[in-house]
Amino acid sequence: MGCNLRDLAPSQSIDFSELKGQKVAVDVFLNAYQFITSLTGKDGKPLSYNDKPVAHLMGFLDRATIMIEEGIDPVFIFDGRPHQLKMNTLGVRKERKINAVEKWNSAIEAGDMVAAKKLGPQTAEYTREMVAETKELFDCLGVTWLEAPMEAEGAAAVRCRNNEVFAVASQDWDTLLYGAPVMIRNLTSHGTRKFGRVLHAEKIVLSEMLEMHEITYEQLVDLGIMIGTDFHPGIKGIGPKTGLKLIKKHITMEEVSIAKGFDLPDNLEEIRTLFTDHPVHPIPLPESSKSIEENIRIFAISRGFSEKRIVRAVTRLANANRLKSESQPTLFDF
């Protein structure tokens, strides 16, 4: 989830209607995990068909077609190769997952399904095969997808700064450190229930956040590094509120380090650049296209999707004039 800026980021609830006619970049990885960990069976494992996970596909089919019906043009962005500086973070996550798998196996052996249900989501994986299936689904739906050179939310933020998309939909607060002018949280869970309350999409505008706290974008990046990101563990004892006071008073991380007596990371400039000048493929965004009903049905049926789920998705696409048939012409082809 990157840097924790929740307490510093002013947000406002928005309705899908406010995004109508806009391209919105969606961070695939975090959303995939959201679907995998929420659509589970009695043992806590993601829903599967023929022993293969399908929860991620169900989630993306449902939420992508909802957005399309609402007039939003989603651009799904996959993570590329992680930077070397992120390897420590990935190593910690892997170790945590291994421990969760051991505990889940013990719970299953003991017949403790309550514990297994809780532990199951912690063992979730988004494998290369699952990534390939997700791309195949997006092709069936005619939606745009890209693979980033490195971080999906970083590449999405650059596209947003270049006005190729209106906003970046992600739960990762690092999206703001990458300089995304507009960040949308809870976009793919808008209208669903969590812990007894209905979730709503929230918009965070970077310029408003900077103006509210009277800091520059460069100071926000330094603040994020001090709090802790995927590329740096942060400075012990410095959280969001303390860090904000320090960066406003001392201007830069170098000056804060002198005042507080901590060592700067040797690669501080490299970390800054990863946020302020994140790599992105120099190609224009592909345009979305109409989906072919037969292809959607073949894909969905092969994964055990119900007819009700398929019809619901196809109807949404038809309502948005984003559906055509190869076997027979329809009104939506004209």
C-alpha atoms as a PDB file:
ATOM      1  CA  MET A   1       0.000   0.000   0.000  1.00  0.00           C
ATOM      2  CA  GLY A   2       3.029   2.245  -0.052  1.00  0.00           C
ATOM      3  CA  CYS A   3       3.119   5.440   1.982  1.00  0.00           C
ATOM      4  CA  ASN A   4       0.329   6.102   4.482  1.00  0.00           C
ATOM      5  CA  LEU A   5      -1.061   9.543   3.627  1.00  0.00           C
ATOM      6  CA  ARG A   6      -4.647   8.834   4.705  1.00  0.00           C
ATOM      7  CA  ASP A   7      -4.681  11.413   7.514  1.00  0.00           C
ATOM      8  CA  LEU A   8      -3.257  14.136   5.261  1.00  0.00           C
ATOM      9  CA  ALA A   9      -5.302  13.637   2.105  1.00  0.00           C
ATOM     10  CA  PRO A  10      -8.613  15.546   1.943  1.00  0.00           C
ATOM     11  CA  SER A  11     -11.164  13.429   0.085  1.00  0.00           C
ATOM     12  CA  GLN A  12     -14.677  13.939  -1.187  1.00  0.00           C
ATOM     13  CA  SER A  13     -17.249  11.318  -2.093  1.00  0.00           C
ATOM     14  CA  ILE A  14     -18.150  11.262  -5.765  1.00  0.00           C
ATOM     15  CA  ASP A  15     -20.741   9.500  -7.868  1.00  0.00           C
ATOM     16  CA  PHE A  16     -19.991   7.582 -11.041  1.00  0.00           C
ATOM     17  CA  SER A  17     -21.899  10.240 -12.980  1.00  0.00           C
ATOM     18  CA  GLU A  18     -19.046  12.683 -12.279  1.00  0.00           C
ATOM     19  CA  LEU A  19     -16.679  10.396 -14.192  1.00  0.00           C
ATOM     20  CA  LYS A  20     -18.945   9.893 -17.209  1.00  0.00           C
ATOM     21  CA  GLY A  21     -17.097  10.309 -20.482  1.00  0.00           C
ATOM     22  CA  GLN A  22     -13.681  10.122 -18.795  1.00  0.00           C
ATOM     23  CA  LYS A  23     -10.791   7.701 -19.125  1.00  0.00           C
ATOM     24  CA  VAL A  24      -9.715   6.394 -15.717  1.00  0.00           C
ATOM     25  CA  ALA A  25      -6.514   4.384 -15.213  1.00  0.00           C
ATOM     26  CA  VAL A  26      -7.042   1.403 -12.892  1.00  0.00           C
ATOM     27  CA  ASP A  27      -4.269  -0.294 -10.917  1.00  0.00           C
ATOM     28  CA  VAL A  28      -4.875  -3.990 -11.712  1.00  0.00           C
ATOM     29  CA  PHE A  29      -2.746  -5.634  -9.019  1.00  0.00           C
ATOM     30  CA  LEU A  30      -4.407  -4.132  -5.954  1.00  0.00           C
ATOM     31  CA  ASN A  31      -7.878  -4.612  -7.399  1.00  0.00           C
ATOM     32  CA  ALA A  32      -7.120  -8.235  -8.258  1.00  0.00           C
ATOM     33  CA  TYR A  33      -6.163  -8.878  -4.631  1.00  0.00           C
ATOM     34  CA  GLN A  34      -9.317  -7.152  -3.494  1.00  0.00           C
ATOM     35  CA  PHE A  35     -11.422  -9.581  -5.533  1.00  0.00           C
ATOM     36  CA  ILE A  36      -9.304 -12.616  -4.608  1.00  0.00           C
ATOM     37  CA  THR A  37      -9.547 -11.935  -0.885  1.00  0.00           C
ATOM     38  CA  SER A  38     -13.232 -10.999  -0.808  1.00  0.00           C
ATOM     39  CA  LEU A  39     -14.727 -13.653  -3.112  1.00  0.00           C
ATOM     40  CA  THR A  40     -13.843 -16.734  -1.078  1.00  0.00           C
ATOM     41  CA  GLY A  41     -15.226 -20.131  -0.174  1.00  0.00           C
ATOM     42  CA  LYS A  42     -15.860 -21.646   3.260  1.00  0.00           C
ATOM     43  CA  ASP A  43     -12.161 -22.450   3.639  1.00  0.00           C
ATOM     44  CA  GLY A  44     -11.135 -18.837   2.977  1.00  0.00           C
ATOM     45  CA  LYS A  45      -9.570 -19.639  -0.399  1.00  0.00           C
ATOM     46  CA  PRO A  46     -10.570 -17.649  -3.516  1.00  0.00           C
ATOM     47  CA  LEU A  47     -13.508 -19.018  -5.481  1.00  0.00           C
ATOM     48  CA  SER A  48     -12.331 -21.553  -8.053  1.00  0.00           C
ATOM     49  CA  TYR A  49     -13.573 -23.668 -10.947  1.00  0.00           C
ATOM     50  CA  ASN A  50     -11.905 -26.977 -11.829  1.00  0.00           C
ATOM     51  CA  ASP A  51      -9.331 -26.197  -9.131  1.00  0.00           C
ATOM     52  CA  LYS A  52      -8.374 -22.910 -10.775  1.00  0.00           C
ATOM     53  CA  PRO A  53      -9.074 -19.517  -9.120  1.00  0.00           C
ATOM     54  CA  VAL A  54     -11.721 -17.415 -10.845  1.00  0.00           C
ATOM     55  CA  ALA A  55     -12.512 -14.781  -8.207  1.00  0.00           C
ATOM     56  CA  HIS A  56     -10.285 -12.190  -9.941  1.00  0.00           C
ATOM     57  CA  LEU A  57     -12.062 -12.780 -13.248  1.00  0.00           C
ATOM     58  CA  MET A  58     -15.516 -12.526 -11.680  1.00  0.00           C
ATOM     59  CA  GLY A  59     -14.525  -9.295  -9.982  1.00  0.00           C
ATOM     60  CA  PHE A  60     -13.084  -7.649 -13.074  1.00  0.00           C
ATOM     61  CA  LEU A  61     -15.981  -8.763 -15.302  1.00  0.00           C
ATOM     62  CA  ASP A  62     -18.480  -7.284 -12.876  1.00  0.00           C
ATOM     63  CA  ARG A  63     -16.749  -4.008 -12.056  1.00  0.00           C
ATOM     64  CA  ALA A  64     -15.435  -3.293 -15.570  1.00  0.00           C
ATOM     65  CA  THR A  65     -18.891  -3.652 -17.106  1.00  0.00           C
ATOM     66  CA  ILE A  66     -20.422  -1.499 -14.367  1.00  0.00           C
ATOM     67  CA  MET A  67     -17.946   1.281 -15.154  1.00  0.00           C
ATOM     68  CA  ILE A  68     -18.536   0.955 -18.889  1.00  0.00           C
ATOM     69  CA  GLU A  69     -22.315   1.116 -18.444  1.00  0.00           C
ATOM     70  CA  GLU A  70     -21.842   4.275 -16.373  1.00  0.00           C
ATOM     71  CA  GLY A  71     -19.921   5.885 -19.232  1.00  0.00           C
ATOM     72  CA  ILE A  72     -16.452   5.467 -17.706  1.00  0.00           C
ATOM     73  CA  ASP A  73     -13.698   4.253 -20.049  1.00  0.00           C
ATOM     74  CA  PRO A  74     -11.361   2.167 -17.846  1.00  0.00           C
ATOM     75  CA  VAL A  75      -7.682   1.767 -18.733  1.00  0.00           C
ATOM     76  CA  PHE A  76      -6.285  -1.194 -16.794  1.00  0.00           C
ATOM     77  CA  ILE A  77      -2.569  -1.051 -15.986  1.00  0.00           C
ATOM     78  CA  PHE A  78      -0.488  -4.039 -14.886  1.00  0.00           C
ATOM     79  CA  ASP A  79       2.716  -3.867 -12.865  1.00  0.00           C
ATOM     80  CA  GLY A  80       5.963  -4.425 -14.743  1.00  0.00           C
ATOM     81  CA  ARG A  81       9.338  -5.472 -13.343  1.00  0.00           C
ATOM     82  CA  PRO A  82       9.797  -4.222  -9.749  1.00  0.00           C
ATOM     83  CA  HIS A  83      12.721  -1.944  -8.981  1.00  0.00           C
ATOM     84  CA  GLN A  84      15.587  -3.440  -6.986  1.00  0.00           C
ATOM     85  CA  LEU A  85      14.776  -1.094  -4.092  1.00  0.00           C
ATOM     86  CA  LYS A  86      11.391  -2.802  -3.703  1.00  0.00           C
ATOM     87  CA  MET A  87      12.843  -6.281  -3.201  1.00  0.00           C
ATOM     88  CA  ASN A  88      13.009  -5.950   0.588  1.00  0.00           C
ATOM     89  CA  THR A  89       9.318  -5.045   0.699  1.00  0.00           C
ATOM     90  CA  LEU A  90       8.458  -7.975  -1.568  1.00  0.00           C
ATOM     91  CA  GLY A  91      10.581 -10.294   0.576  1.00  0.00           C
ATOM     92  CA  VAL A  92       8.685  -9.307   3.723  1.00  0.00           C
ATOM     93  CA  ARG A  93       5.358  -9.920   1.956  1.00  0.00           C
ATOM     94  CA  LYS A  94       6.520 -13.344   0.759  1.00  0.00           C
ATOM     95  CA  GLU A  95       7.619 -14.371   4.250  1.00  0.00           C
ATOM     96  CA  ARG A  96       4.301 -13.192   5.684  1.00  0.00           C
ATOM     97  CA  LYS A  97       2.455 -15.268   3.089  1.00  0.00           C
ATOM     98  CA  ILE A  98       4.509 -18.392   3.846  1.00  0.00           C
ATOM     99  CA  ASN A  99       3.635 -18.067   7.529  1.00  0.00           C
ATOM    100  CA  ALA A 100      -0.055 -17.613   6.676  1.00  0.00           C
ATOM    101  CA  VAL A 101      -0.020 -20.758   4.504  1.00  0.00           C
ATOM    102  CA  GLU A 102       1.451 -22.783   7.368  1.00  0.00           C
ATOM    103  CA  LYS A 103      -1.205 -21.503   9.764  1.00  0.00           C
ATOM    104  CA  TRP A 104      -3.975 -22.139   7.212  1.00  0.00           C
ATOM    105  CA  ASN A 105      -2.821 -25.718   6.672  1.00  0.00           C
ATOM    106  CA  SER A 106      -2.802 -26.281  10.423  1.00  0.00           C
ATOM    107  CA  ALA A 107      -6.318 -24.868  10.717  1.00  0.00           C
ATOM    108  CA  ILE A 108      -7.569 -27.157   7.922  1.00  0.00           C
ATOM    109  CA  GLU A 109      -5.939 -30.211   9.536  1.00  0.00           C
ATOM    110  CA  ALA A 110      -7.561 -29.291  12.857  1.00  0.00           C
ATOM    111  CA  GLY A 111     -10.942 -28.779  11.216  1.00  0.00           C
ATOM    112  CA  ASP A 112     -11.035 -25.175  12.430  1.00  0.00           C
ATOM    113  CA  MET A 113     -12.894 -23.624   9.498  1.00  0.00           C
ATOM    114  CA  VAL A 114     -13.421 -20.316  11.326  1.00  0.00           C
ATOM    115  CA  ALA A 115      -9.657 -19.818  11.526  1.00  0.00           C
ATOM    116  CA  ALA A 116      -9.201 -21.105   7.976  1.00  0.00           C
ATOM    117  CA  LYS A 117     -11.764 -18.590   6.684  1.00  0.00           C
ATOM    118  CA  LYS A 118      -9.797 -15.731   8.295  1.00  0.00           C
ATOM    119  CA  LEU A 119      -6.384 -16.989   7.176  1.00  0.00           C
ATOM    120  CA  GLY A 120      -7.362 -17.893   3.609  1.00  0.00           C
ATOM    121  CA  PRO A 121      -7.180 -14.349   2.176  1.00  0.00           C
ATOM    122  CA  GLN A 122      -3.675 -13.942   3.634  1.00  0.00           C
ATOM    123  CA  THR A 123      -2.458 -16.844   1.477  1.00  0.00           C
ATOM    124  CA  ALA A 124      -3.813 -15.380  -1.767  1.00  0.00           C
ATOM    125  CA  GLU A 125      -1.612 -15.129  -4.854  1.00  0.00           C
ATOM    126  CA  TYR A 126      -1.985 -13.351  -8.182  1.00  0.00           C
ATOM    127  CA  THR A 127       0.067 -15.646 -10.400  1.00  0.00           C
ATOM    128  CA  ARG A 128       1.381 -15.142 -13.932  1.00  0.00           C
ATOM    129  CA  GLU A 129      -1.314 -17.474 -15.221  1.00  0.00           C
ATOM    130  CA  MET A 130      -3.980 -15.381 -13.479  1.00  0.00           C
ATOM    131  CA  VAL A 131      -2.476 -12.200 -14.952  1.00  0.00           C
ATOM    132  CA  ALA A 132      -2.608 -13.731 -18.454  1.00  0.00           C
ATOM    133  CA  GLU A 133      -6.257 -14.726 -17.932  1.00  0.00           C
ATOM    134  CA  THR A 134      -7.099 -11.194 -16.797  1.00  0.00           C
ATOM    135  CA  LYS A 135      -5.573  -9.755 -19.973  1.00  0.00           C
ATOM    136  CA  GLU A 136      -7.579 -12.275 -22.026  1.00  0.00           C
ATOM    137  CA  LEU A 137     -10.756 -11.146 -20.277  1.00  0.00           C
ATOM    138  CA  PHE A 138      -9.983  -7.497 -20.992  1.00  0.00           C
ATOM    139  CA  ASP A 139      -9.447  -8.366 -24.664  1.00  0.00           C
ATOM    140  CA  CYS A 140     -12.863 -10.053 -24.714  1.00  0.00           C
ATOM    141  CA  LEU A 141     -14.411  -6.930 -23.191  1.00  0.00           C
ATOM    142  CA  GLY A 142     -12.653  -4.603 -25.620  1.00  0.00           C
ATOM    143  CA  VAL A 143     -11.161  -2.520 -22.813  1.00  0.00           C
ATOM    144  CA  THR A 144      -7.714  -0.948 -22.899  1.00  0.00           C
ATOM    145  CA  TRP A 145      -4.908  -2.501 -20.869  1.00  0.00           C
ATOM    146  CA  LEU A 146      -1.201  -1.774 -20.619  1.00  0.00           C
ATOM    147  CA  GLU A 147       1.776  -3.257 -18.827  1.00  0.00           C
ATOM    148  CA  ALA A 148       3.867  -0.653 -17.038  1.00  0.00           C
ATOM    149  CA  PRO A 149       7.672  -0.652 -17.233  1.00  0.00           C
ATOM    150  CA  MET A 150       7.699  -0.749 -13.425  1.00  0.00           C
ATOM    151  CA  GLU A 151       4.930   0.329 -11.023  1.00  0.00           C
ATOM    152  CA  ALA A 152       1.367   0.421 -12.357  1.00  0.00           C
ATOM    153  CA  GLU A 153       0.290   3.368 -10.228  1.00  0.00           C
ATOM    154  CA  GLY A 154       3.475   5.219 -11.218  1.00  0.00           C
ATOM    155  CA  ALA A 155       2.886   4.754 -14.936  1.00  0.00           C
ATOM    156  CA  ALA A 156      -0.791   5.641 -14.435  1.00  0.00           C
ATOM    157  CA  ALA A 157       0.168   8.849 -12.624  1.00  0.00           C
ATOM    158  CA  VAL A 158       2.431   9.893 -15.503  1.00  0.00           C
ATOM    159  CA  ARG A 159      -0.409   9.243 -17.976  1.00  0.00           C
ATOM    160  CA  CYS A 160      -2.656  11.351 -15.779  1.00  0.00           C
ATOM    161  CA  ARG A 161      -0.115  14.197 -15.609  1.00  0.00           C
ATOM    162  CA  ASN A 162       0.058  14.047 -19.409  1.00  0.00           C
ATOM    163  CA  ASN A 163      -3.745  14.367 -19.608  1.00  0.00           C
ATOM    164  CA  GLU A 164      -4.115  10.948 -21.254  1.00  0.00           C
ATOM    165  CA  VAL A 165      -6.469   9.884 -18.450  1.00  0.00           C
ATOM    166  CA  PHE A 166      -8.591  11.969 -16.108  1.00  0.00           C
ATOM    167  CA  ALA A 167      -7.708  10.137 -12.896  1.00  0.00           C
ATOM    168  CA  VAL A 168      -5.913   7.161 -11.370  1.00  0.00           C
ATOM    169  CA  ALA A 169      -8.028   4.603  -9.507  1.00  0.00           C
ATOM    170  CA  SER A 170      -5.923   2.956  -6.816  1.00  0.00           C
ATOM    171  CA  GLN A 171      -5.867   2.252  -3.088  1.00  0.00           C
ATOM    172  CA  ASP A 172      -2.118   2.902  -2.971  1.00  0.00           C
ATOM    173  CA  TRP A 173      -1.283   6.297  -1.494  1.00  0.00           C
ATOM    174  CA  ASP A 174       2.000   6.311  -3.421  1.00  0.00           C
ATOM    175  CA  THR A 175      -0.193   7.337  -6.357  1.00  0.00           C
ATOM    176  CA  LEU A 176      -0.014  10.886  -4.975  1.00  0.00           C
ATOM    177  CA  LEU A 177       3.762  10.713  -4.549  1.00  0.00           C
ATOM    178  CA  TYR A 178       3.988   9.815  -8.245  1.00  0.00           C
ATOM    179  CA  GLY A 179       2.219  13.101  -8.921  1.00  0.00           C
ATOM    180  CA  ALA A 180      -1.212  11.944 -10.097  1.00  0.00           C
ATOM    181  CA  PRO A 181      -3.326  15.141 -10.280  1.00  0.00           C
ATOM    182  CA  VAL A 182      -6.494  13.199  -9.385  1.00  0.00           C
ATOM    183  CA  MET A 183      -6.683   9.963  -7.398  1.00  0.00           C
ATOM    184  CA  ILE A 184      -9.853   7.897  -6.988  1.00  0.00           C
ATOM    185  CA  ARG A 185     -10.162   5.436  -4.118  1.00  0.00           C
ATOM    186  CA  ASN A 186     -12.817   2.686  -3.852  1.00  0.00           C
ATOM    187  CA  LEU A 187     -13.740   2.995  -7.538  1.00  0.00           C
ATOM    188  CA  THR A 188     -14.078  -0.764  -8.068  1.00  0.00           C
ATOM    189  CA  SER A 189     -15.845  -1.259  -4.733  1.00  0.00           C
ATOM    190  CA  HIS A 190     -18.243   1.691  -5.089  1.00  0.00           C
ATOM    191  CA  GLY A 191     -21.695   0.697  -3.829  1.00  0.00           C
ATOM    192  CA  THR A 192     -20.553  -2.503  -2.094  1.00  0.00           C
ATOM    193  CA  ARG A 193     -20.786  -3.166   1.616  1.00  0.00           C
ATOM    194  CA  LYS A 194     -17.817  -3.536   3.955  1.00  0.00           C
ATOM    195  CA  PHE A 195     -18.101  -3.916   7.710  1.00  0.00           C
ATOM    196  CA  GLY A 196     -21.762  -2.977   7.538  1.00  0.00           C
ATOM    197  CA  ARG A 197     -21.387   0.254   5.576  1.00  0.00           C
ATOM    198  CA  VAL A 198     -21.712   1.111   1.912  1.00  0.00           C
ATOM    199  CA  LEU A 199     -18.450   2.139   0.288  1.00  0.00           C
ATOM    200  CA  HIS A 200     -18.345   5.194  -1.962  1.00  0.00           C
ATOM    201  CA  ALA A 201     -15.731   6.304  -4.451  1.00  0.00           C
ATOM    202  CA  GLU A 202     -13.581   9.141  -3.126  1.00  0.00           C
ATOM    203  CA  LYS A 203     -11.659  11.765  -5.065  1.00  0.00           C
ATOM    204  CA  ILE A 204      -8.392  13.286  -3.874  1.00  0.00           C
ATOM    205  CA  VAL A 205      -7.042  16.254  -5.834  1.00  0.00           C
ATOM    206  CA  LEU A 206      -3.282  16.641  -5.440  1.00  0.00           C
ATOM    207  CA  SER A 207      -3.228  20.436  -5.874  1.00  0.00           C
ATOM    208  CA  GLU A 208      -5.878  20.843  -3.162  1.00  0.00           C
ATOM    209  CA  MET A 209      -3.886  18.631  -0.808  1.00  0.00           C
ATOM    210  CA  LEU A 210      -0.701  20.625  -1.371  1.00  0.00           C
ATOM    211  CA  GLU A 211      -2.525  23.950  -0.961  1.00  0.00           C
ATOM    212  CA  MET A 212      -4.239  22.749   2.212  1.00  0.00           C
ATOM    213  CA  HIS A 213      -0.912  21.870   3.864  1.00  0.00           C
ATOM    214  CA  GLU A 214       1.054  24.713   2.233  1.00  0.00           C
ATOM    215  CA  ILE A 215       3.754  22.454   0.824  1.00  0.00           C
ATOM    216  CA  THR A 216       5.159  21.774  -2.641  1.00  0.00           C
ATOM    217  CA  TYR A 217       4.973  18.506  -4.547  1.00  0.00           C
ATOM    218  CA  GLU A 218       8.715  18.001  -3.957  1.00  0.00           C
ATOM    219  CA  GLN A 219       8.144  18.414  -0.215  1.00  0.00           C
ATOM    220  CA  LEU A 220       5.332  15.846  -0.366  1.00  0.00           C
ATOM    221  CA  VAL A 221       7.745  13.347  -1.933  1.00  0.00           C
ATOM    222  CA  ASP A 222      10.298  13.987   0.838  1.00  0.00           C
ATOM    223  CA  LEU A 223       7.528  13.644   3.418  1.00  0.00           C
ATOM    224  CA  GLY A 224       6.509  10.308   1.906  1.00  0.00           C
ATOM    225  CA  ILE A 225      10.074   9.007   1.981  1.00  0.00           C
ATOM    226  CA  MET A 226      10.387   9.947   5.658  1.00  0.00           C
ATOM    227  CA  ILE A 227       7.099   8.223   6.509  1.00  0.00           C
ATOM    228  CA  GLY A 228       8.088   5.131   4.533  1.00  0.00           C
ATOM    229  CA  THR A 229       7.415   3.797   1.033  1.00  0.00           C
ATOM    230  CA  ASP A 230       7.995   0.572  -0.906  1.00  0.00           C
ATOM    231  CA  PHE A 231      11.453   1.935  -1.776  1.00  0.00           C
ATOM    232  CA  HIS A 232      12.516   3.061   1.713  1.00  0.00           C
ATOM    233  CA  PRO A 233      11.390   1.921   5.182  1.00  0.00           C
ATOM    234  CA  GLY A 234      11.112   5.463   6.485  1.00  0.00           C
ATOM    235  CA  ILE A 235      12.614   7.229   9.488  1.00  0.00           C
ATOM    236  CA  LYS A 236      11.804   5.775  12.903  1.00  0.00           C
ATOM    237  CA  GLY A 237       9.529   8.036  14.935  1.00  0.00           C
ATOM    238  CA  ILE A 238       8.314  10.076  11.958  1.00  0.00           C
ATOM    239  CA  GLY A 239       4.688   9.564  11.004  1.00  0.00           C
ATOM    240  CA  PRO A 240       2.450  11.617   8.725  1.00  0.00           C
ATOM    241  CA  LYS A 241       1.597  14.427  11.152  1.00  0.00           C
ATOM    242  CA  THR A 242       5.070  14.752  12.658  1.00  0.00           C
ATOM    243  CA  GLY A 243       6.632  14.536   9.214  1.00  0.00           C
ATOM    244  CA  LEU A 244       4.370  17.286   7.896  1.00  0.00           C
ATOM    245  CA  LYS A 245       5.384  19.655  10.691  1.00  0.00           C
ATOM    246  CA  LEU A 246       9.070  18.899  10.093  1.00  0.00           C
ATOM    247  CA  ILE A 247       8.994  19.330   6.313  1.00  0.00           C
ATOM    248  CA  LYS A 248       7.076  22.621   6.612  1.00  0.00           C
ATOM    249  CA  LYS A 249       9.585  23.942   9.108  1.00  0.00           C
ATOM    250  CA  HIS A 250      12.808  22.683   7.507  1.00  0.00           C
ATOM    251  CA  ILE A 251      11.757  22.593   3.801  1.00  0.00           C
ATOM    252  CA  THR A 252      13.778  19.540   2.692  1.00  0.00           C
ATOM    253  CA  MET A 253      14.566  16.065   3.995  1.00  0.00           C
ATOM    254  CA  GLU A 254      18.254  17.025   4.149  1.00  0.00           C
ATOM    255  CA  GLU A 255      17.483  19.892   6.541  1.00  0.00           C
ATOM    256  CA  VAL A 256      15.149  17.721   8.605  1.00  0.00           C
ATOM    257  CA  SER A 257      17.929  15.135   8.994  1.00  0.00           C
ATOM    258  CA  ILE A 258      20.284  17.811  10.324  1.00  0.00           C
ATOM    259  CA  ALA A 259      17.670  19.060  12.785  1.00  0.00           C
ATOM    260  CA  LYS A 260      16.605  15.610  13.999  1.00  0.00           C
ATOM    261  CA  GLY A 261      19.949  13.834  13.719  1.00  0.00           C
ATOM    262  CA  PHE A 262      19.115  10.895  11.432  1.00  0.00           C
ATOM    263  CA  ASP A 263      21.081   9.579   8.472  1.00  0.00           C
ATOM    264  CA  LEU A 264      19.834  10.201   4.967  1.00  0.00           C
ATOM    265  CA  PRO A 265      19.543   7.228   2.623  1.00  0.00           C
ATOM    266  CA  ASP A 266      22.589   7.085   0.350  1.00  0.00           C
ATOM    267  CA  ASN A 267      20.323   6.821  -2.683  1.00  0.00           C
ATOM    268  CA  LEU A 268      17.932   9.627  -1.736  1.00  0.00           C
ATOM    269  CA  GLU A 269      18.045  11.233  -5.192  1.00  0.00           C
ATOM    270  CA  GLU A 270      17.311   7.895  -6.853  1.00  0.00           C
ATOM    271  CA  ILE A 271      14.269   7.365  -4.620  1.00  0.00           C
ATOM    272  CA  ARG A 272      13.025  10.882  -5.332  1.00  0.00           C
ATOM    273  CA  THR A 273      13.411  10.332  -9.069  1.00  0.00           C
ATOM    274  CA  LEU A 274      11.413   7.092  -8.910  1.00  0.00           C
ATOM    275  CA  PHE A 275       8.474   9.247  -7.845  1.00  0.00           C
ATOM    276  CA  THR A 276       9.038  12.494  -9.723  1.00  0.00           C
ATOM    277  CA  ASP A 277      10.185  10.968 -13.028  1.00  0.00           C
ATOM    278  CA  HIS A 278       8.734   7.464 -13.065  1.00  0.00           C
ATOM    279  CA  PRO A 279       9.297   5.467 -16.275  1.00  0.00           C
ATOM    280  CA  VAL A 280       6.435   5.017 -18.710  1.00  0.00           C
ATOM    281  CA  HIS A 281       6.318   3.443 -22.168  1.00  0.00           C
ATOM    282  CA  PRO A 282       6.364   6.236 -24.800  1.00  0.00           C
ATOM    283  CA  ILE A 283       3.351   4.917 -26.684  1.00  0.00           C
ATOM    284  CA  PRO A 284      -0.120   6.455 -26.885  1.00  0.00           C
ATOM    285  CA  LEU A 285      -3.007   4.748 -25.160  1.00  0.00           C
ATOM    286  CA  PRO A 286      -4.791   2.212 -27.380  1.00  0.00           C
ATOM    287  CA  GLU A 287      -8.454   2.959 -27.929  1.00  0.00           C
ATOM    288  CA  SER A 288     -11.155   0.774 -26.417  1.00  0.00           C
ATOM    289  CA  SER A 289     -13.412  -1.174 -28.775  1.00  0.00           C
ATOM    290  CA  LYS A 290     -16.706  -3.022 -28.846  1.00  0.00           C
ATOM    291  CA  SER A 291     -16.747  -6.439 -27.238  1.00  0.00           C
ATOM    292  CA  ILE A 292     -17.904  -9.554 -29.058  1.00  0.00           C
ATOM    293  CA  GLU A 293     -20.678 -11.359 -27.230  1.00  0.00           C
ATOM    294  CA  GLU A 294     -19.647 -14.833 -28.413  1.00  0.00           C
ATOM    295  CA  ASN A 295     -16.097 -14.363 -27.124  1.00  0.00           C
ATOM    296  CA  ILE A 296     -17.331 -13.238 -23.726  1.00  0.00           C
ATOM    297  CA  ARG A 297     -19.628 -16.265 -23.473  1.00  0.00           C
ATOM    298  CA  ILE A 298     -16.909 -18.741 -24.482  1.00  0.00           C
ATOM    299  CA  PHE A 299     -14.489 -17.252 -21.965  1.00  0.00           C
ATOM    300  CA  ALA A 300     -17.010 -17.028 -19.122  1.00  0.00           C
ATOM    301  CA  ILE A 301     -18.549 -20.482 -19.632  1.00  0.00           C
ATOM    302  CA  SER A 302     -15.097 -22.095 -19.674  1.00  0.00           C
ATOM    303  CA  ARG A 303     -14.532 -20.617 -16.193  1.00  0.00           C
ATOM    304  CA  GLY A 304     -17.848 -21.831 -14.801  1.00  0.00           C
ATOM    305  CA  PHE A 305     -19.613 -18.459 -14.726  1.00  0.00           C
ATOM    306  CA  SER A 306     -23.369 -18.628 -14.301  1.00  0.00           C
ATOM    307  CA  GLU A 307     -25.709 -17.593 -17.100  1.00  0.00           C
ATOM    308  CA  LYS A 308     -27.054 -14.874 -14.822  1.00  0.00           C
ATOM    309  CA  ARG A 309     -23.592 -13.361 -14.397  1.00  0.00           C
ATOM    310  CA  ILE A 310     -22.914 -13.511 -18.145  1.00  0.00           C
ATOM    311  CA  VAL A 311     -26.255 -11.945 -19.103  1.00  0.00           C
ATOM    312  CA  ARG A 312     -25.762  -9.177 -16.557  1.00  0.00           C
ATOM    313  CA  ALA A 313     -22.351  -8.272 -18.028  1.00  0.00           C
ATOM    314  CA  VAL A 314     -23.513  -8.507 -21.638  1.00  0.00           C
ATOM    315  CA  THR A 315     -26.553  -6.337 -20.910  1.00  0.00           C
ATOM    316  CA  ARG A 316     -24.387  -3.629 -19.383  1.00  0.00           C
ATOM    317  CA  LEU A 317     -22.152  -3.598 -22.453  1.00  0.00           C
ATOM    318  CA  ALA A 318     -25.189  -3.449 -24.744  1.00  0.00           C
ATOM    319  CA  ASN A 319     -26.615  -0.542 -22.751  1.00  0.00           C
ATOM    320  CA  ALA A 320     -23.340   1.329 -23.328  1.00  0.00           C
ATOM    321  CA  ASN A 321     -23.312   0.479 -27.060  1.00  0.00           C
ATOM    322  CA  ARG A 322     -20.111  -1.501 -26.500  1.00  0.00           C
ATOM    323  CA  LEU A 323     -21.354  -4.901 -27.715  1.00  0.00           C
ATOM    324  CA  LYS A 324     -21.517  -6.616 -31.081  1.00  0.00           C
ATOM    325  CA  SER A 325     -22.179 -10.130 -32.358  1.00  0.00           C
ATOM    326  CA  GLU A 326     -20.176 -12.122 -34.894  1.00  0.00           C
ATOM    327  CA  SER A 327     -23.010 -14.528 -35.668  1.00  0.00           C
ATOM    328  CA  GLN A 328     -25.771 -12.020 -36.314  1.00  0.00           C
ATOM    329  CA  PRO A 329     -26.120  -8.248 -36.612  1.00  0.00           C
ATOM    330  CA  THR A 330     -27.863  -6.351 -33.845  1.00  0.00           C
ATOM    331  CA  LEU A 331     -29.064  -2.805 -33.355  1.00  0.00           C
ATOM    332  CA  PHE A 332     -25.848  -2.183 -31.411  1.00  0.00           C
ATOM    333  CA  ASP A 333     -23.730  -2.783 -34.516  1.00  0.00           C
ATOM    334  CA  PHE A 334     -25.091   0.319 -36.246  1.00  0.00           C
END
